[in-house]
């Protein structure tokens, strides 16, 4: 088993978060909730240096709000769900993670 990469203040490439992402992460970190989905996504996406991070985090929040509305019983149009976007982000994150693991193990 590999030891987890310990870095919660920057990205895997050694660069710091952008000021906007840093502020966003700090705001979410200060919430009392332990498992804030937006925080986890932003932290992982930032650490893995996902492209267009600020725009993606904003769109992820919109997708998360859609999910929250559904969970709380709001009506929804299944054709309007952001499924393709979420799958795309997940695929990009998996690819970035695998690339990092390959780099670490080389």
PDB file of N, CA and C in Angstrom:
ATOM      1  N   UNK A   1       0.845  -1.171   0.000  1.00  0.00           N
ATOM      2  CA  UNK A   1       0.000   0.000   0.000  1.00  0.00           C
ATOM      3  C   UNK A   1       0.893   1.237   0.000  1.00  0.00           C
ATOM      4  N   UNK A   2       0.537   2.225  -0.792  1.00  0.00           N
ATOM      5  CA  UNK A   2       1.317   3.448  -0.891  1.00  0.00           C
ATOM      6  C   UNK A   2       0.934   4.418   0.217  1.00  0.00           C
ATOM      7  N   UNK A   3       1.900   5.141   0.708  1.00  0.00           N
ATOM      8  CA  UNK A   3       1.615   6.175   1.704  1.00  0.00           C
ATOM      9  C   UNK A   3       0.902   7.318   1.004  1.00  0.00           C
ATOM     10  N   UNK A   4      -0.114   7.912   1.641  1.00  0.00           N
ATOM     11  CA  UNK A   4      -0.818   9.017   1.004  1.00  0.00           C
ATOM     12  C   UNK A   4       0.101  10.226   0.864  1.00  0.00           C
ATOM     13  N   UNK A   5      -0.136  10.976  -0.174  1.00  0.00           N
ATOM     14  CA  UNK A   5       0.623  12.198  -0.393  1.00  0.00           C
ATOM     15  C   UNK A   5       0.091  13.242   0.578  1.00  0.00           C
ATOM     16  N   UNK A   6       0.958  13.791   1.403  1.00  0.00           N
ATOM     17  CA  UNK A   6       0.545  14.761   2.412  1.00  0.00           C
ATOM     18  C   UNK A   6       0.785  16.184   1.906  1.00  0.00           C
ATOM     19  N   UNK A   7      -0.254  16.822   1.448  1.00  0.00           N
ATOM     20  CA  UNK A   7      -0.137  18.186   0.954  1.00  0.00           C
ATOM     21  C   UNK A   7      -1.531  18.763   0.868  1.00  0.00           C
ATOM     22  N   UNK A   8      -1.899  19.594   1.827  1.00  0.00           N
ATOM     23  CA  UNK A   8      -3.224  20.202   1.797  1.00  0.00           C
ATOM     24  C   UNK A   8      -3.140  21.701   1.570  1.00  0.00           C
ATOM     25  N   UNK A   9      -1.960  22.218   1.320  1.00  0.00           N
ATOM     26  CA  UNK A   9      -1.824  23.655   1.144  1.00  0.00           C
ATOM     27  C   UNK A   9      -1.505  24.042  -0.284  1.00  0.00           C
ATOM     28  N   UNK A  10      -1.267  23.089  -1.141  1.00  0.00           N
ATOM     29  CA  UNK A  10      -0.906  23.409  -2.509  1.00  0.00           C
ATOM     30  C   UNK A  10      -1.272  22.297  -3.445  1.00  0.00           C
ATOM     31  N   UNK A  11      -0.604  22.275  -4.568  1.00  0.00           N
ATOM     32  CA  UNK A  11      -0.905  21.296  -5.594  1.00  0.00           C
ATOM     33  C   UNK A  11       0.192  20.247  -5.654  1.00  0.00           C
ATOM     34  N   UNK A  12      -0.101  19.156  -6.325  1.00  0.00           N
ATOM     35  CA  UNK A  12       0.870  18.073  -6.447  1.00  0.00           C
ATOM     36  C   UNK A  12       2.120  18.527  -7.174  1.00  0.00           C
ATOM     37  N   UNK A  13       1.976  19.523  -8.042  1.00  0.00           N
ATOM     38  CA  UNK A  13       3.140  20.011  -8.791  1.00  0.00           C
ATOM     39  C   UNK A  13       3.969  21.016  -7.998  1.00  0.00           C
ATOM     40  N   UNK A  14       3.630  21.218  -6.709  1.00  0.00           N
ATOM     41  CA  UNK A  14       4.407  22.092  -5.846  1.00  0.00           C
ATOM     42  C   UNK A  14       3.979  23.547  -5.878  1.00  0.00           C
ATOM     43  N   UNK A  15       3.057  23.899  -6.757  1.00  0.00           N
ATOM     44  CA  UNK A  15       2.589  25.281  -6.829  1.00  0.00           C
ATOM     45  C   UNK A  15       1.489  25.487  -5.799  1.00  0.00           C
ATOM     46  N   UNK A  16       1.265  26.740  -5.430  1.00  0.00           N
ATOM     47  CA  UNK A  16       0.189  27.065  -4.499  1.00  0.00           C
ATOM     48  C   UNK A  16      -1.135  27.159  -5.240  1.00  0.00           C
ATOM     49  N   UNK A  17      -2.231  27.049  -4.465  1.00  0.00           N
ATOM     50  CA  UNK A  17      -3.554  27.271  -5.028  1.00  0.00           C
ATOM     51  C   UNK A  17      -3.633  28.716  -5.527  1.00  0.00           C
ATOM     52  N   UNK A  18      -4.498  28.975  -6.484  1.00  0.00           N
ATOM     53  CA  UNK A  18      -4.746  30.355  -6.882  1.00  0.00           C
ATOM     54  C   UNK A  18      -5.389  31.071  -5.696  1.00  0.00           C
ATOM     55  N   UNK A  19      -5.276  32.403  -5.615  1.00  0.00           N
ATOM     56  CA  UNK A  19      -5.894  33.126  -4.494  1.00  0.00           C
ATOM     57  C   UNK A  19      -7.399  32.861  -4.384  1.00  0.00           C
ATOM     58  N   UNK A  20      -8.087  32.783  -5.514  1.00  0.00           N
ATOM     59  CA  UNK A  20      -9.533  32.547  -5.481  1.00  0.00           C
ATOM     60  C   UNK A  20      -9.840  31.164  -4.904  1.00  0.00           C
ATOM     61  N   UNK A  21      -9.100  30.157  -5.323  1.00  0.00           N
ATOM     62  CA  UNK A  21      -9.322  28.798  -4.819  1.00  0.00           C
ATOM     63  C   UNK A  21      -8.932  28.724  -3.349  1.00  0.00           C
ATOM     64  N   UNK A  22      -7.832  29.371  -2.969  1.00  0.00           N
ATOM     65  CA  UNK A  22      -7.423  29.379  -1.561  1.00  0.00           C
ATOM     66  C   UNK A  22      -8.534  29.976  -0.695  1.00  0.00           C
ATOM     67  N   UNK A  23      -9.107  31.096  -1.105  1.00  0.00           N
ATOM     68  CA  UNK A  23     -10.193  31.740  -0.367  1.00  0.00           C
ATOM     69  C   UNK A  23     -11.405  30.823  -0.290  1.00  0.00           C
ATOM     70  N   UNK A  24     -11.734  30.191  -1.406  1.00  0.00           N
ATOM     71  CA  UNK A  24     -12.866  29.272  -1.465  1.00  0.00           C
ATOM     72  C   UNK A  24     -12.653  28.100  -0.504  1.00  0.00           C
ATOM     73  N   UNK A  25     -11.473  27.494  -0.548  1.00  0.00           N
ATOM     74  CA  UNK A  25     -11.179  26.376   0.342  1.00  0.00           C
ATOM     75  C   UNK A  25     -11.227  26.799   1.805  1.00  0.00           C
ATOM     76  N   UNK A  26     -10.696  27.962   2.090  1.00  0.00           N
ATOM     77  CA  UNK A  26     -10.696  28.446   3.474  1.00  0.00           C
ATOM     78  C   UNK A  26     -12.122  28.683   3.973  1.00  0.00           C
ATOM     79  N   UNK A  27     -12.970  29.253   3.107  1.00  0.00           N
ATOM     80  CA  UNK A  27     -14.370  29.490   3.487  1.00  0.00           C
ATOM     81  C   UNK A  27     -15.066  28.161   3.781  1.00  0.00           C
ATOM     82  N   UNK A  28     -14.847  27.169   2.941  1.00  0.00           N
ATOM     83  CA  UNK A  28     -15.473  25.865   3.166  1.00  0.00           C
ATOM     84  C   UNK A  28     -14.888  25.165   4.387  1.00  0.00           C
ATOM     85  N   UNK A  29     -13.585  25.328   4.609  1.00  0.00           N
ATOM     86  CA  UNK A  29     -12.925  24.690   5.747  1.00  0.00           C
ATOM     87  C   UNK A  29     -13.493  25.215   7.069  1.00  0.00           C
ATOM     88  N   UNK A  30     -13.926  26.465   7.091  1.00  0.00           N
ATOM     89  CA  UNK A  30     -14.420  27.081   8.320  1.00  0.00           C
ATOM     90  C   UNK A  30     -15.840  26.642   8.678  1.00  0.00           C
ATOM     91  N   UNK A  31     -16.520  26.006   7.748  1.00  0.00           N
ATOM     92  CA  UNK A  31     -17.847  25.477   8.064  1.00  0.00           C
ATOM     93  C   UNK A  31     -17.704  24.390   9.109  1.00  0.00           C
ATOM     94  N   UNK A  32     -18.728  24.184   9.866  1.00  0.00           N
ATOM     95  CA  UNK A  32     -18.687  23.175  10.931  1.00  0.00           C
ATOM     96  C   UNK A  32     -18.880  21.754  10.397  1.00  0.00           C
ATOM     97  N   UNK A  33     -19.378  21.626   9.160  1.00  0.00           N
ATOM     98  CA  UNK A  33     -19.605  20.313   8.582  1.00  0.00           C
ATOM     99  C   UNK A  33     -18.268  19.646   8.273  1.00  0.00           C
ATOM    100  N   UNK A  34     -18.162  18.360   8.536  1.00  0.00           N
ATOM    101  CA  UNK A  34     -16.903  17.658   8.308  1.00  0.00           C
ATOM    102  C   UNK A  34     -16.752  17.163   6.883  1.00  0.00           C
ATOM    103  N   UNK A  35     -17.833  16.880   6.210  1.00  0.00           N
ATOM    104  CA  UNK A  35     -17.752  16.218   4.920  1.00  0.00           C
ATOM    105  C   UNK A  35     -18.385  17.068   3.818  1.00  0.00           C
ATOM    106  N   UNK A  36     -17.927  18.270   3.654  1.00  0.00           N
ATOM    107  CA  UNK A  36     -18.475  19.155   2.644  1.00  0.00           C
ATOM    108  C   UNK A  36     -17.962  18.703   1.271  1.00  0.00           C
ATOM    109  N   UNK A  37     -18.883  18.268   0.423  1.00  0.00           N
ATOM    110  CA  UNK A  37     -18.534  17.732  -0.891  1.00  0.00           C
ATOM    111  C   UNK A  37     -17.771  18.749  -1.737  1.00  0.00           C
ATOM    112  N   UNK A  38     -18.200  19.993  -1.706  1.00  0.00           N
ATOM    113  CA  UNK A  38     -17.522  21.031  -2.493  1.00  0.00           C
ATOM    114  C   UNK A  38     -16.076  21.200  -2.058  1.00  0.00           C
ATOM    115  N   UNK A  39     -15.838  21.152  -0.762  1.00  0.00           N
ATOM    116  CA  UNK A  39     -14.483  21.296  -0.239  1.00  0.00           C
ATOM    117  C   UNK A  39     -13.605  20.148  -0.726  1.00  0.00           C
ATOM    118  N   UNK A  40     -14.113  18.939  -0.623  1.00  0.00           N
ATOM    119  CA  UNK A  40     -13.338  17.775  -1.049  1.00  0.00           C
ATOM    120  C   UNK A  40     -13.022  17.850  -2.540  1.00  0.00           C
ATOM    121  N   UNK A  41     -14.020  18.200  -3.348  1.00  0.00           N
ATOM    122  CA  UNK A  41     -13.788  18.293  -4.784  1.00  0.00           C
ATOM    123  C   UNK A  41     -12.753  19.366  -5.097  1.00  0.00           C
ATOM    124  N   UNK A  42     -12.916  20.547  -4.522  1.00  0.00           N
ATOM    125  CA  UNK A  42     -11.989  21.655  -4.797  1.00  0.00           C
ATOM    126  C   UNK A  42     -10.579  21.316  -4.342  1.00  0.00           C
ATOM    127  N   UNK A  43     -10.449  20.696  -3.194  1.00  0.00           N
ATOM    128  CA  UNK A  43      -9.132  20.342  -2.671  1.00  0.00           C
ATOM    129  C   UNK A  43      -8.449  19.303  -3.565  1.00  0.00           C
ATOM    130  N   UNK A  44      -9.167  18.278  -3.929  1.00  0.00           N
ATOM    131  CA  UNK A  44      -8.589  17.228  -4.779  1.00  0.00           C
ATOM    132  C   UNK A  44      -8.282  17.773  -6.169  1.00  0.00           C
ATOM    133  N   UNK A  45      -9.232  18.510  -6.743  1.00  0.00           N
ATOM    134  CA  UNK A  45      -9.025  19.070  -8.089  1.00  0.00           C
ATOM    135  C   UNK A  45      -7.855  20.043  -8.105  1.00  0.00           C
ATOM    136  N   UNK A  46      -7.722  20.823  -7.051  1.00  0.00           N
ATOM    137  CA  UNK A  46      -6.614  21.770  -6.967  1.00  0.00           C
ATOM    138  C   UNK A  46      -5.298  21.031  -6.781  1.00  0.00           C
ATOM    139  N   UNK A  47      -5.284  20.047  -5.891  1.00  0.00           N
ATOM    140  CA  UNK A  47      -4.065  19.278  -5.644  1.00  0.00           C
ATOM    141  C   UNK A  47      -3.569  18.604  -6.916  1.00  0.00           C
ATOM    142  N   UNK A  48      -4.506  18.072  -7.703  1.00  0.00           N
ATOM    143  CA  UNK A  48      -4.138  17.375  -8.937  1.00  0.00           C
ATOM    144  C   UNK A  48      -3.964  18.331 -10.117  1.00  0.00           C
ATOM    145  N   UNK A  49      -4.146  19.633  -9.877  1.00  0.00           N
ATOM    146  CA  UNK A  49      -3.947  20.675 -10.900  1.00  0.00           C
ATOM    147  C   UNK A  49      -4.888  20.500 -12.088  1.00  0.00           C
ATOM    148  N   UNK A  50      -6.174  20.293 -11.792  1.00  0.00           N
ATOM    149  CA  UNK A  50      -7.186  20.205 -12.834  1.00  0.00           C
ATOM    150  C   UNK A  50      -7.218  21.518 -13.611  1.00  0.00           C
ATOM    151  N   UNK A  51      -7.286  21.428 -14.930  1.00  0.00           N
ATOM    152  CA  UNK A  51      -7.313  22.638 -15.753  1.00  0.00           C
ATOM    153  C   UNK A  51      -8.627  23.396 -15.539  1.00  0.00           C
ATOM    154  N   UNK A  52      -8.577  24.706 -15.765  1.00  0.00           N
ATOM    155  CA  UNK A  52      -9.753  25.570 -15.611  1.00  0.00           C
ATOM    156  C   UNK A  52     -10.399  25.380 -14.240  1.00  0.00           C
ATOM    157  N   UNK A  53      -9.573  25.334 -13.221  1.00  0.00           N
ATOM    158  CA  UNK A  53     -10.033  24.964 -11.885  1.00  0.00           C
ATOM    159  C   UNK A  53     -11.132  25.873 -11.352  1.00  0.00           C
ATOM    160  N   UNK A  54     -10.942  27.174 -11.428  1.00  0.00           N
ATOM    161  CA  UNK A  54     -11.928  28.085 -10.853  1.00  0.00           C
ATOM    162  C   UNK A  54     -13.290  27.929 -11.523  1.00  0.00           C
ATOM    163  N   UNK A  55     -13.293  27.829 -12.841  1.00  0.00           N
ATOM    164  CA  UNK A  55     -14.544  27.633 -13.582  1.00  0.00           C
ATOM    165  C   UNK A  55     -15.167  26.280 -13.246  1.00  0.00           C
ATOM    166  N   UNK A  56     -14.335  25.249 -13.163  1.00  0.00           N
ATOM    167  CA  UNK A  56     -14.830  23.906 -12.869  1.00  0.00           C
ATOM    168  C   UNK A  56     -15.420  23.834 -11.464  1.00  0.00           C
ATOM    169  N   UNK A  57     -14.772  24.465 -10.493  1.00  0.00           N
ATOM    170  CA  UNK A  57     -15.291  24.452  -9.123  1.00  0.00           C
ATOM    171  C   UNK A  57     -16.641  25.160  -9.061  1.00  0.00           C
ATOM    172  N   UNK A  58     -16.785  26.251  -9.782  1.00  0.00           N
ATOM    173  CA  UNK A  58     -18.065  26.960  -9.824  1.00  0.00           C
ATOM    174  C   UNK A  58     -19.147  26.070 -10.433  1.00  0.00           C
ATOM    175  N   UNK A  59     -18.822  25.396 -11.538  1.00  0.00           N
ATOM    176  CA  UNK A  59     -19.790  24.508 -12.174  1.00  0.00           C
ATOM    177  C   UNK A  59     -20.076  23.282 -11.306  1.00  0.00           C
ATOM    178  N   UNK A  60     -19.061  22.807 -10.576  1.00  0.00           N
ATOM    179  CA  UNK A  60     -19.283  21.682  -9.668  1.00  0.00           C
ATOM    180  C   UNK A  60     -20.274  22.078  -8.581  1.00  0.00           C
ATOM    181  N   UNK A  61     -20.136  23.284  -8.047  1.00  0.00           N
ATOM    182  CA  UNK A  61     -21.086  23.762  -7.034  1.00  0.00           C
ATOM    183  C   UNK A  61     -22.510  23.773  -7.582  1.00  0.00           C
ATOM    184  N   UNK A  62     -22.658  24.174  -8.835  1.00  0.00           N
ATOM    185  CA  UNK A  62     -23.984  24.174  -9.454  1.00  0.00           C
ATOM    186  C   UNK A  62     -24.525  22.750  -9.558  1.00  0.00           C
ATOM    187  N   UNK A  63     -23.659  21.807  -9.954  1.00  0.00           N
ATOM    188  CA  UNK A  63     -24.074  20.402 -10.046  1.00  0.00           C
ATOM    189  C   UNK A  63     -24.429  19.861  -8.655  1.00  0.00           C
ATOM    190  N   UNK A  64     -23.643  20.229  -7.657  1.00  0.00           N
ATOM    191  CA  UNK A  64     -23.905  19.779  -6.285  1.00  0.00           C
ATOM    192  C   UNK A  64     -25.233  20.346  -5.785  1.00  0.00           C
ATOM    193  N   UNK A  65     -25.519  21.601  -6.124  1.00  0.00           N
ATOM    194  CA  UNK A  65     -26.792  22.201  -5.715  1.00  0.00           C
ATOM    195  C   UNK A  65     -27.965  21.491  -6.377  1.00  0.00           C
ATOM    196  N   UNK A  66     -27.787  21.077  -7.611  1.00  0.00           N
ATOM    197  CA  UNK A  66     -28.808  20.297  -8.318  1.00  0.00           C
ATOM    198  C   UNK A  66     -29.041  18.986  -7.581  1.00  0.00           C
ATOM    199  N   UNK A  67     -27.966  18.327  -7.212  1.00  0.00           N
ATOM    200  CA  UNK A  67     -28.052  17.075  -6.453  1.00  0.00           C
ATOM    201  C   UNK A  67     -28.762  17.290  -5.126  1.00  0.00           C
ATOM    202  N   UNK A  68     -28.403  18.374  -4.427  1.00  0.00           N
ATOM    203  CA  UNK A  68     -29.035  18.670  -3.141  1.00  0.00           C
ATOM    204  C   UNK A  68     -30.534  18.903  -3.300  1.00  0.00           C
ATOM    205  N   UNK A  69     -30.915  19.629  -4.357  1.00  0.00           N
ATOM    206  CA  UNK A  69     -32.344  19.882  -4.604  1.00  0.00           C
ATOM    207  C   UNK A  69     -33.102  18.565  -4.790  1.00  0.00           C
ATOM    208  N   UNK A  70     -32.508  17.643  -5.538  1.00  0.00           N
ATOM    209  CA  UNK A  70     -33.145  16.344  -5.774  1.00  0.00           C
ATOM    210  C   UNK A  70     -33.288  15.577  -4.463  1.00  0.00           C
ATOM    211  N   UNK A  71     -32.220  15.558  -3.675  1.00  0.00           N
ATOM    212  CA  UNK A  71     -32.243  14.839  -2.394  1.00  0.00           C
ATOM    213  C   UNK A  71     -33.328  15.396  -1.473  1.00  0.00           C
ATOM    214  N   UNK A  72     -33.573  16.692  -1.567  1.00  0.00           N
ATOM    215  CA  UNK A  72     -34.579  17.322  -0.702  1.00  0.00           C
ATOM    216  C   UNK A  72     -35.957  17.360  -1.337  1.00  0.00           C
ATOM    217  N   UNK A  73     -36.131  16.601  -2.427  1.00  0.00           N
ATOM    218  CA  UNK A  73     -37.462  16.416  -2.988  1.00  0.00           C
ATOM    219  C   UNK A  73     -37.908  17.397  -4.048  1.00  0.00           C
ATOM    220  N   UNK A  74     -37.045  18.225  -4.534  1.00  0.00           N
ATOM    221  CA  UNK A  74     -37.434  19.180  -5.576  1.00  0.00           C
ATOM    222  C   UNK A  74     -37.662  18.427  -6.891  1.00  0.00           C
ATOM    223  N   UNK A  75     -38.625  18.871  -7.672  1.00  0.00           N
ATOM    224  CA  UNK A  75     -38.827  18.232  -8.977  1.00  0.00           C
ATOM    225  C   UNK A  75     -37.644  18.543  -9.891  1.00  0.00           C
ATOM    226  N   UNK A  76     -37.370  17.632 -10.825  1.00  0.00           N
ATOM    227  CA  UNK A  76     -36.239  17.839 -11.727  1.00  0.00           C
ATOM    228  C   UNK A  76     -36.496  17.171 -13.064  1.00  0.00           C
ATOM    229  N   UNK A  77     -35.795  17.650 -14.068  1.00  0.00           N
ATOM    230  CA  UNK A  77     -35.845  17.076 -15.405  1.00  0.00           C
ATOM    231  C   UNK A  77     -34.595  16.231 -15.585  1.00  0.00           C
ATOM    232  N   UNK A  78     -34.776  14.945 -15.733  1.00  0.00           N
ATOM    233  CA  UNK A  78     -33.630  14.038 -15.825  1.00  0.00           C
ATOM    234  C   UNK A  78     -32.708  14.399 -16.990  1.00  0.00           C
ATOM    235  N   UNK A  79     -33.272  14.886 -18.083  1.00  0.00           N
ATOM    236  CA  UNK A  79     -32.454  15.261 -19.246  1.00  0.00           C
ATOM    237  C   UNK A  79     -31.575  16.481 -18.962  1.00  0.00           C
ATOM    238  N   UNK A  80     -31.923  17.260 -17.950  1.00  0.00           N
ATOM    239  CA  UNK A  80     -31.158  18.458 -17.622  1.00  0.00           C
ATOM    240  C   UNK A  80     -30.070  18.244 -16.576  1.00  0.00           C
ATOM    241  N   UNK A  81     -29.932  17.020 -16.101  1.00  0.00           N
ATOM    242  CA  UNK A  81     -28.925  16.747 -15.077  1.00  0.00           C
ATOM    243  C   UNK A  81     -27.514  16.825 -15.665  1.00  0.00           C
ATOM    244  N   UNK A  82     -26.550  17.313 -14.889  1.00  0.00           N
ATOM    245  CA  UNK A  82     -25.176  17.492 -15.394  1.00  0.00           C
ATOM    246  C   UNK A  82     -24.332  16.217 -15.333  1.00  0.00           C
ATOM    247  N   UNK A  83     -24.914  15.108 -15.726  1.00  0.00           N
ATOM    248  CA  UNK A  83     -24.239  13.814 -15.612  1.00  0.00           C
ATOM    249  C   UNK A  83     -22.966  13.772 -16.447  1.00  0.00           C
ATOM    250  N   UNK A  84     -23.021  14.270 -17.679  1.00  0.00           N
ATOM    251  CA  UNK A  84     -21.841  14.230 -18.555  1.00  0.00           C
ATOM    252  C   UNK A  84     -20.693  15.054 -17.977  1.00  0.00           C
ATOM    253  N   UNK A  85     -21.013  16.212 -17.399  1.00  0.00           N
ATOM    254  CA  UNK A  85     -19.970  17.053 -16.797  1.00  0.00           C
ATOM    255  C   UNK A  85     -19.301  16.334 -15.632  1.00  0.00           C
ATOM    256  N   UNK A  86     -20.117  15.744 -14.776  1.00  0.00           N
ATOM    257  CA  UNK A  86     -19.579  15.068 -13.590  1.00  0.00           C
ATOM    258  C   UNK A  86     -18.712  13.883 -14.012  1.00  0.00           C
ATOM    259  N   UNK A  87     -19.160  13.126 -14.989  1.00  0.00           N
ATOM    260  CA  UNK A  87     -18.351  12.003 -15.498  1.00  0.00           C
ATOM    261  C   UNK A  87     -17.029  12.502 -16.073  1.00  0.00           C
ATOM    262  N   UNK A  88     -17.079  13.622 -16.811  1.00  0.00           N
ATOM    263  CA  UNK A  88     -15.868  14.191 -17.407  1.00  0.00           C
ATOM    264  C   UNK A  88     -14.890  14.591 -16.307  1.00  0.00           C
ATOM    265  N   UNK A  89     -15.374  15.286 -15.278  1.00  0.00           N
ATOM    266  CA  UNK A  89     -14.492  15.700 -14.176  1.00  0.00           C
ATOM    267  C   UNK A  89     -13.897  14.486 -13.473  1.00  0.00           C
ATOM    268  N   UNK A  90     -14.717  13.480 -13.225  1.00  0.00           N
ATOM    269  CA  UNK A  90     -14.219  12.276 -12.562  1.00  0.00           C
ATOM    270  C   UNK A  90     -13.135  11.613 -13.408  1.00  0.00           C
ATOM    271  N   UNK A  91     -13.377  11.501 -14.702  1.00  0.00           N
ATOM    272  CA  UNK A  91     -12.377  10.909 -15.592  1.00  0.00           C
ATOM    273  C   UNK A  91     -11.079  11.691 -15.598  1.00  0.00           C
ATOM    274  N   UNK A  92     -11.179  13.017 -15.628  1.00  0.00           N
ATOM    275  CA  UNK A  92      -9.972  13.851 -15.608  1.00  0.00           C
ATOM    276  C   UNK A  92      -9.216  13.676 -14.297  1.00  0.00           C
ATOM    277  N   UNK A  93      -9.936  13.639 -13.189  1.00  0.00           N
ATOM    278  CA  UNK A  93      -9.279  13.477 -11.892  1.00  0.00           C
ATOM    279  C   UNK A  93      -8.611  12.117 -11.768  1.00  0.00           C
ATOM    280  N   UNK A  94      -9.263  11.076 -12.253  1.00  0.00           N
ATOM    281  CA  UNK A  94      -8.662   9.739 -12.209  1.00  0.00           C
ATOM    282  C   UNK A  94      -7.384   9.719 -13.048  1.00  0.00           C
ATOM    283  N   UNK A  95      -7.435  10.295 -14.238  1.00  0.00           N
ATOM    284  CA  UNK A  95      -6.243  10.339 -15.101  1.00  0.00           C
ATOM    285  C   UNK A  95      -5.104  11.121 -14.446  1.00  0.00           C
ATOM    286  N   UNK A  96      -5.433  12.261 -13.831  1.00  0.00           N
ATOM    287  CA  UNK A  96      -4.399  13.052 -13.154  1.00  0.00           C
ATOM    288  C   UNK A  96      -3.817  12.295 -11.967  1.00  0.00           C
ATOM    289  N   UNK A  97      -4.680  11.605 -11.234  1.00  0.00           N
ATOM    290  CA  UNK A  97      -4.211  10.814 -10.091  1.00  0.00           C
ATOM    291  C   UNK A  97      -3.279   9.694 -10.553  1.00  0.00           C
ATOM    292  N   UNK A  98      -3.687   8.994 -11.602  1.00  0.00           N
ATOM    293  CA  UNK A  98      -2.844   7.906 -12.108  1.00  0.00           C
ATOM    294  C   UNK A  98      -1.512   8.433 -12.617  1.00  0.00           C
ATOM    295  N   UNK A  99      -1.534   9.564 -13.296  1.00  0.00           N
ATOM    296  CA  UNK A  99      -0.286  10.157 -13.780  1.00  0.00           C
ATOM    297  C   UNK A  99       0.625  10.514 -12.609  1.00  0.00           C
ATOM    298  N   UNK A 100       0.046  11.032 -11.538  1.00  0.00           N
ATOM    299  CA  UNK A 100       0.824  11.367 -10.343  1.00  0.00           C
ATOM    300  C   UNK A 100       1.407  10.115  -9.706  1.00  0.00           C
ATOM    301  N   UNK A 101       0.600   9.066  -9.607  1.00  0.00           N
ATOM    302  CA  UNK A 101       1.083   7.823  -8.999  1.00  0.00           C
ATOM    303  C   UNK A 101       2.225   7.231  -9.819  1.00  0.00           C
ATOM    304  N   UNK A 102       2.109   7.285 -11.150  1.00  0.00           N
ATOM    305  CA  UNK A 102       3.170   6.787 -12.020  1.00  0.00           C
ATOM    306  C   UNK A 102       4.432   7.596 -11.816  1.00  0.00           C
ATOM    307  N   UNK A 103       4.263   8.909 -11.715  1.00  0.00           N
ATOM    308  CA  UNK A 103       5.419   9.811 -11.521  1.00  0.00           C
ATOM    309  C   UNK A 103       6.083   9.526 -10.172  1.00  0.00           C
ATOM    310  N   UNK A 104       5.312   9.341  -9.131  1.00  0.00           N
ATOM    311  CA  UNK A 104       5.842   9.093  -7.792  1.00  0.00           C
ATOM    312  C   UNK A 104       6.577   7.753  -7.750  1.00  0.00           C
ATOM    313  N   UNK A 105       6.056   6.763  -8.454  1.00  0.00           N
ATOM    314  CA  UNK A 105       6.638   5.427  -8.424  1.00  0.00           C
ATOM    315  C   UNK A 105       7.781   5.239  -9.427  1.00  0.00           C
ATOM    316  N   UNK A 106       8.044   6.231 -10.241  1.00  0.00           N
ATOM    317  CA  UNK A 106       9.135   6.108 -11.231  1.00  0.00           C
ATOM    318  C   UNK A 106      10.463   6.492 -10.647  1.00  0.00           C
TER     319      UNK A 106
END
